[in-house]
N, C-alpha and C. Protein backbone atom coordinates (compact mmCIF):
# COMPACT_ATOMS: atom_id res chain seq x y z
N MET A 1 60.22 74.14 87.14
CA MET A 1 61.45 74.93 86.99
C MET A 1 61.18 76.17 86.12
N ASP A 2 61.72 77.31 86.55
CA ASP A 2 61.55 78.55 85.80
C ASP A 2 62.72 78.67 84.81
N ASP A 3 62.46 78.30 83.56
CA ASP A 3 63.52 78.30 82.56
C ASP A 3 64.04 79.71 82.28
N ASN A 4 63.16 80.71 82.37
CA ASN A 4 63.58 82.08 82.13
C ASN A 4 64.57 82.55 83.20
N ARG A 5 64.29 82.16 84.45
CA ARG A 5 65.20 82.50 85.55
C ARG A 5 66.57 81.86 85.33
N LEU A 6 66.56 80.59 85.00
CA LEU A 6 67.82 79.89 84.77
C LEU A 6 68.58 80.47 83.59
N GLN A 7 67.86 80.87 82.57
CA GLN A 7 68.50 81.47 81.40
C GLN A 7 69.21 82.77 81.77
N LYS A 8 68.56 83.59 82.60
CA LYS A 8 69.19 84.84 83.04
C LYS A 8 70.44 84.56 83.89
N GLN A 9 70.35 83.57 84.76
CA GLN A 9 71.49 83.23 85.61
C GLN A 9 72.66 82.74 84.78
N MET A 10 72.37 81.89 83.80
CA MET A 10 73.44 81.37 82.94
C MET A 10 74.05 82.46 82.09
N GLU A 11 73.23 83.39 81.63
CA GLU A 11 73.74 84.51 80.84
C GLU A 11 74.70 85.35 81.68
N PHE A 12 74.33 85.59 82.93
CA PHE A 12 75.20 86.35 83.83
C PHE A 12 76.52 85.59 84.05
N CYS A 13 76.41 84.29 84.31
CA CYS A 13 77.60 83.46 84.55
C CYS A 13 78.53 83.47 83.34
N ARG A 14 77.95 83.45 82.15
CA ARG A 14 78.77 83.51 80.94
C ARG A 14 79.41 84.88 80.78
N LEU A 15 78.63 85.91 81.05
CA LEU A 15 79.11 87.27 80.87
C LEU A 15 80.30 87.58 81.76
N ILE A 16 80.25 87.15 83.02
CA ILE A 16 81.32 87.55 83.95
C ILE A 16 82.64 86.87 83.64
N ASP A 17 82.66 85.93 82.70
CA ASP A 17 83.93 85.38 82.22
C ASP A 17 84.81 86.51 81.69
N ALA A 18 84.19 87.59 81.24
CA ALA A 18 84.94 88.72 80.69
C ALA A 18 85.82 89.40 81.74
N GLU A 19 85.54 89.15 83.03
CA GLU A 19 86.39 89.76 84.06
C GLU A 19 87.82 89.27 83.95
N LYS A 20 88.00 88.09 83.38
CA LYS A 20 89.35 87.53 83.21
C LYS A 20 90.18 88.34 82.22
N LYS A 21 89.51 89.19 81.44
CA LYS A 21 90.22 89.99 80.43
C LYS A 21 90.48 91.42 80.88
N ILE A 22 90.00 91.77 82.08
CA ILE A 22 90.20 93.14 82.58
C ILE A 22 91.56 93.22 83.26
N GLY A 23 92.51 93.86 82.61
CA GLY A 23 93.86 93.93 83.14
C GLY A 23 94.01 94.97 84.24
N ARG A 24 94.89 94.67 85.16
CA ARG A 24 95.25 95.59 86.23
C ARG A 24 96.70 96.02 86.07
N GLN A 25 97.15 96.97 86.88
CA GLN A 25 98.52 97.47 86.78
C GLN A 25 99.49 96.74 87.71
N THR A 26 98.98 95.84 88.53
CA THR A 26 99.81 95.12 89.49
C THR A 26 100.37 93.85 88.87
N TYR A 27 101.67 93.66 89.01
CA TYR A 27 102.31 92.45 88.49
C TYR A 27 102.06 91.26 89.41
N LEU A 28 102.09 90.07 88.83
CA LEU A 28 102.11 88.86 89.65
C LEU A 28 103.36 88.86 90.51
N ALA A 29 103.39 88.02 91.52
CA ALA A 29 104.52 87.99 92.46
C ALA A 29 105.85 87.76 91.75
N ASP A 30 105.84 86.97 90.67
CA ASP A 30 107.10 86.70 89.96
C ASP A 30 107.40 87.73 88.89
N ALA A 31 106.56 88.75 88.79
CA ALA A 31 106.75 89.87 87.85
C ALA A 31 106.69 89.45 86.38
N SER A 32 106.16 88.26 86.09
CA SER A 32 106.14 87.76 84.71
C SER A 32 105.09 88.45 83.85
N ARG A 33 104.00 88.89 84.46
CA ARG A 33 102.94 89.61 83.77
C ARG A 33 102.07 90.28 84.81
N LYS A 34 101.12 91.10 84.34
CA LYS A 34 100.20 91.76 85.25
C LYS A 34 98.98 90.87 85.51
N GLU A 35 98.39 91.01 86.68
CA GLU A 35 97.21 90.22 87.03
C GLU A 35 95.97 90.79 86.36
N ASN A 36 94.90 90.00 86.36
CA ASN A 36 93.63 90.50 85.88
C ASN A 36 92.65 90.58 87.05
N ASP A 37 91.48 91.15 86.79
CA ASP A 37 90.49 91.38 87.84
C ASP A 37 90.04 90.09 88.52
N ALA A 38 89.85 89.03 87.72
CA ALA A 38 89.37 87.77 88.28
C ALA A 38 90.41 87.18 89.23
N GLU A 39 91.67 87.27 88.86
CA GLU A 39 92.74 86.77 89.72
C GLU A 39 92.83 87.60 91.00
N HIS A 40 92.65 88.88 90.86
CA HIS A 40 92.66 89.79 92.00
C HIS A 40 91.55 89.42 92.99
N ALA A 41 90.35 89.18 92.47
CA ALA A 41 89.20 88.84 93.32
C ALA A 41 89.42 87.50 94.03
N TRP A 42 89.88 86.52 93.28
CA TRP A 42 90.16 85.19 93.86
C TRP A 42 91.18 85.31 94.99
N HIS A 43 92.23 86.06 94.73
CA HIS A 43 93.31 86.19 95.70
C HIS A 43 92.82 86.81 97.00
N MET A 44 92.02 87.87 96.88
CA MET A 44 91.51 88.54 98.08
C MET A 44 90.52 87.66 98.84
N ALA A 45 89.75 86.85 98.11
CA ALA A 45 88.80 85.95 98.78
C ALA A 45 89.54 84.96 99.67
N ILE A 46 90.61 84.36 99.14
CA ILE A 46 91.41 83.43 99.94
C ILE A 46 92.07 84.15 101.10
N MET A 47 92.59 85.34 100.85
CA MET A 47 93.23 86.11 101.91
C MET A 47 92.26 86.40 103.04
N THR A 48 91.00 86.69 102.69
CA THR A 48 89.99 86.97 103.71
C THR A 48 89.73 85.75 104.58
N LEU A 49 89.67 84.58 103.97
CA LEU A 49 89.49 83.35 104.74
C LEU A 49 90.61 83.17 105.76
N LEU A 50 91.81 83.57 105.38
CA LEU A 50 92.97 83.36 106.24
C LEU A 50 93.22 84.49 107.24
N LEU A 51 92.86 85.72 106.86
CA LEU A 51 93.28 86.89 107.64
C LEU A 51 92.15 87.60 108.36
N SER A 52 90.93 87.08 108.29
CA SER A 52 89.79 87.76 108.91
C SER A 52 89.95 87.93 110.41
N GLU A 53 90.78 87.11 111.03
CA GLU A 53 90.99 87.23 112.47
C GLU A 53 91.62 88.56 112.86
N TYR A 54 92.20 89.27 111.88
CA TYR A 54 92.84 90.55 112.16
C TYR A 54 91.92 91.75 111.91
N SER A 55 90.68 91.48 111.59
CA SER A 55 89.73 92.57 111.40
C SER A 55 89.54 93.34 112.71
N ASN A 56 89.41 94.65 112.60
CA ASN A 56 89.17 95.46 113.80
C ASN A 56 87.87 95.08 114.48
N GLU A 57 86.89 94.65 113.69
CA GLU A 57 85.59 94.25 114.21
C GLU A 57 85.28 92.84 113.72
N LYS A 58 84.40 92.16 114.42
CA LYS A 58 83.97 90.84 113.96
C LYS A 58 83.22 91.00 112.65
N ILE A 59 83.52 90.15 111.67
CA ILE A 59 82.86 90.25 110.38
C ILE A 59 82.23 88.92 109.97
N ASN A 60 81.26 89.02 109.09
CA ASN A 60 80.69 87.86 108.44
C ASN A 60 81.61 87.54 107.26
N VAL A 61 82.38 86.46 107.38
CA VAL A 61 83.41 86.15 106.38
C VAL A 61 82.79 85.86 105.02
N LEU A 62 81.71 85.09 104.99
CA LEU A 62 81.08 84.76 103.72
C LEU A 62 80.59 86.02 103.01
N LYS A 63 80.01 86.94 103.76
CA LYS A 63 79.54 88.19 103.16
C LYS A 63 80.70 89.00 102.62
N THR A 64 81.80 89.04 103.37
CA THR A 64 82.97 89.79 102.93
C THR A 64 83.58 89.18 101.67
N VAL A 65 83.69 87.86 101.66
CA VAL A 65 84.21 87.16 100.48
C VAL A 65 83.30 87.42 99.28
N SER A 66 81.99 87.35 99.49
CA SER A 66 81.03 87.60 98.40
C SER A 66 81.21 89.01 97.85
N MET A 67 81.40 89.96 98.74
CA MET A 67 81.59 91.35 98.36
C MET A 67 82.83 91.51 97.48
N LEU A 68 83.90 90.85 97.88
CA LEU A 68 85.16 90.94 97.14
C LEU A 68 85.08 90.26 95.78
N LEU A 69 84.33 89.17 95.72
CA LEU A 69 84.22 88.45 94.46
C LEU A 69 83.43 89.23 93.41
N ILE A 70 82.54 90.11 93.86
CA ILE A 70 81.70 90.81 92.87
C ILE A 70 82.04 92.31 92.72
N HIS A 71 82.87 92.86 93.60
CA HIS A 71 82.99 94.32 93.63
C HIS A 71 83.61 94.92 92.37
N ASP A 72 84.41 94.15 91.63
CA ASP A 72 85.03 94.67 90.41
C ASP A 72 84.33 94.21 89.14
N LEU A 73 83.21 93.47 89.27
CA LEU A 73 82.51 93.00 88.07
C LEU A 73 82.06 94.16 87.18
N VAL A 74 81.78 95.32 87.80
CA VAL A 74 81.34 96.47 87.00
C VAL A 74 82.40 96.91 86.00
N GLU A 75 83.64 96.52 86.24
CA GLU A 75 84.72 96.93 85.34
C GLU A 75 84.64 96.21 83.99
N ILE A 76 83.80 95.18 83.89
CA ILE A 76 83.55 94.54 82.60
C ILE A 76 83.05 95.58 81.61
N TYR A 77 82.23 96.51 82.10
CA TYR A 77 81.71 97.59 81.26
C TYR A 77 82.44 98.92 81.49
N ALA A 78 82.86 99.16 82.72
CA ALA A 78 83.44 100.47 83.05
C ALA A 78 84.95 100.52 82.85
N GLY A 79 85.60 99.34 82.77
CA GLY A 79 87.05 99.31 82.65
C GLY A 79 87.71 99.53 84.00
N ASP A 80 88.97 99.12 84.11
CA ASP A 80 89.72 99.31 85.35
C ASP A 80 90.22 100.75 85.41
N THR A 81 90.12 101.34 86.58
CA THR A 81 90.64 102.68 86.79
C THR A 81 91.88 102.58 87.67
N TYR A 82 93.03 102.93 87.11
CA TYR A 82 94.29 102.84 87.84
C TYR A 82 94.25 103.75 89.06
N ALA A 83 94.74 103.23 90.16
CA ALA A 83 94.65 103.92 91.46
C ALA A 83 95.19 105.34 91.43
N TYR A 84 96.20 105.60 90.59
CA TYR A 84 96.84 106.91 90.61
C TYR A 84 96.61 107.71 89.33
N ASP A 85 95.58 107.31 88.57
CA ASP A 85 95.20 108.04 87.37
C ASP A 85 94.12 109.06 87.76
N GLU A 86 94.54 110.26 88.09
CA GLU A 86 93.61 111.27 88.61
C GLU A 86 92.56 111.69 87.58
N GLU A 87 92.92 111.68 86.31
CA GLU A 87 91.98 112.08 85.27
C GLU A 87 90.87 111.04 85.13
N ALA A 88 91.25 109.78 85.10
CA ALA A 88 90.25 108.70 84.96
C ALA A 88 89.35 108.62 86.18
N LYS A 89 89.89 108.94 87.34
CA LYS A 89 89.10 108.86 88.58
C LYS A 89 87.96 109.88 88.61
N LYS A 90 88.06 110.93 87.79
CA LYS A 90 87.02 111.95 87.75
C LYS A 90 85.71 111.39 87.22
N THR A 91 85.78 110.39 86.34
CA THR A 91 84.58 109.81 85.75
C THR A 91 84.29 108.40 86.26
N GLN A 92 85.09 107.93 87.20
CA GLN A 92 84.97 106.54 87.66
C GLN A 92 83.59 106.21 88.22
N LYS A 93 83.09 107.04 89.12
CA LYS A 93 81.80 106.76 89.76
C LYS A 93 80.68 106.71 88.74
N GLU A 94 80.69 107.65 87.83
CA GLU A 94 79.64 107.71 86.81
C GLU A 94 79.69 106.47 85.92
N ARG A 95 80.89 106.08 85.49
CA ARG A 95 81.05 104.91 84.63
C ARG A 95 80.64 103.63 85.35
N GLU A 96 81.04 103.51 86.62
CA GLU A 96 80.75 102.29 87.35
C GLU A 96 79.27 102.18 87.73
N LEU A 97 78.63 103.30 88.00
CA LEU A 97 77.20 103.28 88.30
C LEU A 97 76.40 102.82 87.08
N ALA A 98 76.74 103.33 85.92
CA ALA A 98 76.07 102.91 84.68
C ALA A 98 76.32 101.43 84.43
N ALA A 99 77.53 100.97 84.72
CA ALA A 99 77.87 99.57 84.52
C ALA A 99 77.09 98.68 85.48
N ALA A 100 76.93 99.12 86.72
CA ALA A 100 76.17 98.34 87.71
C ALA A 100 74.72 98.20 87.28
N ASN A 101 74.14 99.27 86.76
CA ASN A 101 72.76 99.22 86.28
C ASN A 101 72.60 98.17 85.18
N LYS A 102 73.56 98.15 84.26
CA LYS A 102 73.51 97.23 83.13
C LYS A 102 73.79 95.79 83.57
N LEU A 103 74.82 95.62 84.38
CA LEU A 103 75.28 94.28 84.75
C LEU A 103 74.29 93.55 85.65
N PHE A 104 73.94 94.15 86.76
CA PHE A 104 73.08 93.47 87.72
C PHE A 104 71.64 93.35 87.23
N GLY A 105 71.30 94.16 86.22
CA GLY A 105 69.97 94.08 85.63
C GLY A 105 69.76 92.82 84.79
N ILE A 106 70.85 92.12 84.49
CA ILE A 106 70.76 90.89 83.71
C ILE A 106 70.16 89.75 84.53
N LEU A 107 70.42 89.75 85.82
CA LEU A 107 70.00 88.68 86.71
C LEU A 107 68.51 88.73 87.03
N PRO A 108 67.94 87.62 87.52
CA PRO A 108 66.59 87.69 88.09
C PRO A 108 66.57 88.79 89.15
N GLU A 109 65.45 89.45 89.31
CA GLU A 109 65.37 90.66 90.14
C GLU A 109 65.92 90.46 91.55
N ASP A 110 65.56 89.34 92.21
CA ASP A 110 66.01 89.15 93.59
C ASP A 110 67.52 89.03 93.69
N GLN A 111 68.12 88.29 92.77
CA GLN A 111 69.57 88.12 92.81
C GLN A 111 70.28 89.39 92.35
N GLY A 112 69.71 90.07 91.38
CA GLY A 112 70.30 91.33 90.94
C GLY A 112 70.34 92.35 92.05
N GLN A 113 69.25 92.42 92.82
CA GLN A 113 69.19 93.35 93.94
C GLN A 113 70.18 92.97 95.04
N TYR A 114 70.32 91.66 95.26
CA TYR A 114 71.25 91.20 96.30
C TYR A 114 72.69 91.56 95.95
N LEU A 115 73.11 91.25 94.72
CA LEU A 115 74.48 91.56 94.33
C LEU A 115 74.70 93.06 94.23
N ARG A 116 73.70 93.78 93.76
CA ARG A 116 73.80 95.24 93.69
C ARG A 116 73.96 95.81 95.10
N GLY A 117 73.24 95.23 96.05
CA GLY A 117 73.35 95.68 97.43
C GLY A 117 74.74 95.46 98.01
N LEU A 118 75.33 94.31 97.69
CA LEU A 118 76.70 94.04 98.15
C LEU A 118 77.68 95.05 97.54
N TRP A 119 77.49 95.31 96.26
CA TRP A 119 78.37 96.27 95.57
C TRP A 119 78.24 97.66 96.19
N GLU A 120 77.01 98.08 96.44
CA GLU A 120 76.78 99.41 97.03
C GLU A 120 77.32 99.47 98.45
N GLU A 121 77.20 98.38 99.19
CA GLU A 121 77.73 98.34 100.56
C GLU A 121 79.25 98.49 100.55
N PHE A 122 79.90 97.82 99.60
CA PHE A 122 81.35 97.97 99.46
C PHE A 122 81.72 99.42 99.16
N GLU A 123 81.00 100.01 98.23
CA GLU A 123 81.29 101.38 97.83
C GLU A 123 81.05 102.37 98.97
N ALA A 124 80.07 102.08 99.82
CA ALA A 124 79.75 102.99 100.92
C ALA A 124 80.81 102.99 102.01
N TRP A 125 81.54 101.87 102.16
CA TRP A 125 82.66 101.80 103.10
C TRP A 125 82.23 102.07 104.54
N GLU A 126 81.06 101.59 104.94
CA GLU A 126 80.55 101.87 106.28
C GLU A 126 80.49 100.63 107.18
N SER A 127 80.09 99.49 106.64
CA SER A 127 79.96 98.28 107.47
C SER A 127 81.33 97.68 107.76
N ALA A 128 81.38 96.84 108.79
CA ALA A 128 82.63 96.17 109.15
C ALA A 128 83.14 95.33 107.98
N GLU A 129 82.20 94.68 107.28
CA GLU A 129 82.60 93.84 106.14
C GLU A 129 83.18 94.69 105.01
N ALA A 130 82.56 95.81 104.74
CA ALA A 130 83.04 96.69 103.67
C ALA A 130 84.43 97.25 104.02
N LYS A 131 84.61 97.62 105.26
CA LYS A 131 85.91 98.17 105.68
C LYS A 131 87.01 97.12 105.54
N PHE A 132 86.71 95.88 105.95
CA PHE A 132 87.73 94.84 105.83
C PHE A 132 87.97 94.49 104.36
N ALA A 133 86.92 94.50 103.55
CA ALA A 133 87.07 94.24 102.12
C ALA A 133 87.98 95.28 101.48
N HIS A 134 87.83 96.53 101.86
CA HIS A 134 88.71 97.57 101.34
C HIS A 134 90.15 97.37 101.82
N THR A 135 90.31 96.91 103.04
CA THR A 135 91.66 96.60 103.52
C THR A 135 92.30 95.55 102.62
N MET A 136 91.55 94.50 102.30
CA MET A 136 92.06 93.46 101.41
C MET A 136 92.38 94.04 100.03
N ASP A 137 91.50 94.90 99.54
CA ASP A 137 91.65 95.49 98.21
C ASP A 137 92.89 96.36 98.12
N ASN A 138 93.32 96.90 99.24
CA ASN A 138 94.51 97.75 99.27
C ASN A 138 95.78 96.99 99.65
N VAL A 139 95.65 96.03 100.54
CA VAL A 139 96.83 95.29 101.00
C VAL A 139 97.31 94.30 99.94
N GLN A 140 96.39 93.64 99.24
CA GLN A 140 96.79 92.64 98.24
C GLN A 140 97.74 93.20 97.19
N PRO A 141 97.45 94.35 96.57
CA PRO A 141 98.40 94.87 95.58
C PRO A 141 99.72 95.32 96.18
N THR A 142 99.72 95.81 97.42
CA THR A 142 101.01 96.17 98.02
C THR A 142 101.86 94.92 98.24
N MET A 143 101.22 93.81 98.61
CA MET A 143 101.95 92.55 98.77
C MET A 143 102.58 92.12 97.45
N LEU A 144 101.80 92.19 96.36
CA LEU A 144 102.34 91.79 95.06
C LEU A 144 103.38 92.78 94.55
N ASN A 145 103.19 94.06 94.80
CA ASN A 145 104.20 95.03 94.40
C ASN A 145 105.52 94.77 95.12
N HIS A 146 105.42 94.42 96.38
CA HIS A 146 106.63 94.08 97.13
C HIS A 146 107.29 92.83 96.57
N ALA A 147 106.48 91.79 96.33
CA ALA A 147 107.02 90.52 95.84
C ALA A 147 107.68 90.67 94.47
N SER A 148 107.18 91.60 93.65
CA SER A 148 107.74 91.82 92.31
C SER A 148 108.82 92.90 92.34
N ASP A 149 109.37 93.15 93.50
CA ASP A 149 110.48 94.11 93.70
C ASP A 149 110.08 95.53 93.31
N GLY A 150 108.84 95.88 93.61
CA GLY A 150 108.40 97.25 93.37
C GLY A 150 108.33 97.63 91.91
N LYS A 151 108.19 96.65 91.02
CA LYS A 151 108.26 96.91 89.57
C LYS A 151 107.23 97.92 89.10
N SER A 152 105.97 97.73 89.47
CA SER A 152 104.92 98.64 89.02
C SER A 152 105.11 100.03 89.61
N TRP A 153 105.46 100.10 90.89
CA TRP A 153 105.69 101.40 91.52
C TRP A 153 106.80 102.16 90.78
N ALA A 154 107.88 101.46 90.46
CA ALA A 154 109.01 102.11 89.79
C ALA A 154 108.63 102.55 88.38
N GLU A 155 107.93 101.68 87.65
CA GLU A 155 107.54 102.02 86.27
C GLU A 155 106.62 103.23 86.23
N LYS A 156 105.72 103.33 87.17
CA LYS A 156 104.74 104.42 87.20
C LYS A 156 105.25 105.65 87.96
N LYS A 157 106.47 105.54 88.50
CA LYS A 157 107.05 106.64 89.28
C LYS A 157 106.11 107.09 90.41
N VAL A 158 105.61 106.10 91.14
CA VAL A 158 104.66 106.36 92.21
C VAL A 158 105.36 107.00 93.41
N LYS A 159 104.68 107.95 94.02
CA LYS A 159 105.22 108.66 95.18
C LYS A 159 104.61 108.12 96.46
N ILE A 160 105.36 108.20 97.55
CA ILE A 160 104.85 107.71 98.83
C ILE A 160 103.61 108.50 99.26
N SER A 161 103.55 109.77 98.90
CA SER A 161 102.37 110.57 99.26
C SER A 161 101.12 110.02 98.57
N GLN A 162 101.27 109.51 97.33
CA GLN A 162 100.14 108.91 96.62
C GLN A 162 99.68 107.63 97.32
N ILE A 163 100.63 106.82 97.71
CA ILE A 163 100.30 105.55 98.38
C ILE A 163 99.62 105.81 99.71
N LEU A 164 100.15 106.75 100.47
CA LEU A 164 99.56 107.07 101.77
C LEU A 164 98.16 107.67 101.60
N GLY A 165 97.97 108.46 100.54
CA GLY A 165 96.65 109.03 100.28
C GLY A 165 95.64 107.96 99.93
N ARG A 166 96.05 107.03 99.07
CA ARG A 166 95.13 105.95 98.69
C ARG A 166 94.80 105.07 99.88
N ASN A 167 95.75 104.90 100.79
CA ASN A 167 95.56 104.01 101.94
C ASN A 167 95.14 104.74 103.21
N GLU A 168 94.63 105.94 103.05
CA GLU A 168 94.26 106.75 104.20
C GLU A 168 93.27 106.03 105.12
N ARG A 169 92.39 105.20 104.54
CA ARG A 169 91.36 104.54 105.34
C ARG A 169 91.59 103.02 105.48
N THR A 170 92.69 102.53 104.97
CA THR A 170 92.93 101.08 104.99
C THR A 170 92.89 100.51 106.40
N LYS A 171 93.38 101.27 107.36
CA LYS A 171 93.43 100.79 108.74
C LYS A 171 92.05 100.65 109.37
N GLU A 172 91.02 101.24 108.76
CA GLU A 172 89.67 101.14 109.32
C GLU A 172 89.18 99.69 109.33
N GLY A 173 89.68 98.88 108.41
CA GLY A 173 89.31 97.47 108.38
C GLY A 173 90.20 96.62 109.25
N SER A 174 91.49 96.97 109.30
CA SER A 174 92.44 96.22 110.12
C SER A 174 93.69 97.05 110.34
N GLU A 175 93.84 97.55 111.55
CA GLU A 175 95.05 98.31 111.89
C GLU A 175 96.28 97.41 111.80
N LYS A 176 96.12 96.15 112.20
CA LYS A 176 97.24 95.20 112.20
C LYS A 176 97.75 94.95 110.78
N LEU A 177 96.84 94.72 109.84
CA LEU A 177 97.25 94.41 108.47
C LEU A 177 97.82 95.63 107.76
N TRP A 178 97.26 96.81 108.04
CA TRP A 178 97.83 98.02 107.44
C TRP A 178 99.23 98.27 107.98
N GLU A 179 99.43 98.12 109.27
CA GLU A 179 100.75 98.31 109.86
C GLU A 179 101.76 97.33 109.25
N TYR A 180 101.32 96.09 109.10
CA TYR A 180 102.21 95.07 108.53
C TYR A 180 102.55 95.41 107.08
N ALA A 181 101.53 95.80 106.30
CA ALA A 181 101.75 96.12 104.90
C ALA A 181 102.69 97.31 104.74
N TYR A 182 102.49 98.33 105.56
CA TYR A 182 103.35 99.51 105.45
C TYR A 182 104.80 99.17 105.79
N ASN A 183 104.99 98.47 106.90
CA ASN A 183 106.36 98.18 107.36
C ASN A 183 107.08 97.16 106.50
N ASN A 184 106.33 96.20 105.95
CA ASN A 184 106.97 95.09 105.25
C ASN A 184 106.86 95.15 103.72
N PHE A 185 105.83 95.81 103.20
CA PHE A 185 105.63 95.84 101.76
C PHE A 185 105.94 97.20 101.13
N ILE A 186 105.70 98.28 101.86
CA ILE A 186 105.82 99.61 101.28
C ILE A 186 107.13 100.31 101.66
N ASN A 187 107.37 100.47 102.94
CA ASN A 187 108.52 101.24 103.38
C ASN A 187 109.87 100.73 102.84
N PRO A 188 110.08 99.41 102.74
CA PRO A 188 111.36 98.96 102.18
C PRO A 188 111.63 99.50 100.78
N HIS A 189 110.56 99.74 100.01
CA HIS A 189 110.74 100.22 98.64
C HIS A 189 110.90 101.74 98.58
N VAL A 190 110.51 102.41 99.64
CA VAL A 190 110.86 103.83 99.77
C VAL A 190 112.37 103.92 100.02
N GLU A 191 112.85 103.08 100.92
CA GLU A 191 114.27 103.08 101.27
C GLU A 191 115.14 102.66 100.08
N GLN A 192 114.61 101.76 99.23
CA GLN A 192 115.38 101.27 98.09
C GLN A 192 115.21 102.12 96.84
N GLY A 193 114.26 103.05 96.86
CA GLY A 193 114.09 103.98 95.75
C GLY A 193 113.07 103.61 94.70
N GLN A 194 112.39 102.46 94.83
CA GLN A 194 111.35 102.13 93.86
C GLN A 194 110.12 103.02 94.03
N ILE A 195 109.93 103.53 95.24
CA ILE A 195 108.86 104.50 95.53
C ILE A 195 109.53 105.84 95.81
N ILE A 196 109.06 106.89 95.14
CA ILE A 196 109.64 108.21 95.33
C ILE A 196 109.23 108.77 96.68
N ASP A 197 110.22 109.17 97.47
CA ASP A 197 109.93 109.75 98.78
C ASP A 197 109.78 111.26 98.64
N ASP A 198 108.57 111.70 98.42
CA ASP A 198 108.29 113.14 98.29
C ASP A 198 107.81 113.72 99.60
N VAL A 199 107.80 112.90 100.66
CA VAL A 199 107.39 113.38 101.99
C VAL A 199 108.59 113.90 102.76
N ASN A 200 109.71 113.18 102.64
CA ASN A 200 110.89 113.54 103.43
C ASN A 200 111.97 114.20 102.59
N GLU A 201 111.65 114.60 101.36
CA GLU A 201 112.63 115.26 100.52
C GLU A 201 113.09 116.57 101.18
N GLY A 202 114.38 116.75 101.20
CA GLY A 202 114.93 117.98 101.76
C GLY A 202 115.09 117.96 103.25
N CYS A 203 114.65 116.86 103.90
CA CYS A 203 114.77 116.79 105.35
C CYS A 203 116.18 116.40 105.76
């Protein structure tokens, strides 16, 4: 047995516990508190198991789930970047790249390269698995925002143009799920006023 290899693996496993402390801006369905990164990843993994049949292309479900479980681990060092924080987004790539170098470098080389590859594939948004993973990453918070009566959208004064901009490519993973999310999770809150309608103002 390679004790050094096992030590590196255990160190990584201990370190990623910190993902549970990375707060997000999306409330839980009951609006009692905001979710954290680990809860977000778990939720999307289960959703992928259930909803992969709606992918535009056939996907490797295990690979997609693996991608979703690790794609936000870099935020342990880089921090969460709120979807509509334009200033923070300017440095997001630089911060997350430095975090990936530090984080995946902890693992034995073969496993570090494997997880780094999954992370880079997600970021590239080119494979069928990456596209569906991004669909999950975008649909999950809209579902929770809807369930919590648009609380986060209203607090942040989010505009429909911002939501549509962020979701410009969501349909690339699943046209069916994006259509469902827009009609059932987003549009009702435009009509109710929790989302500012800056697209149809004055019409």
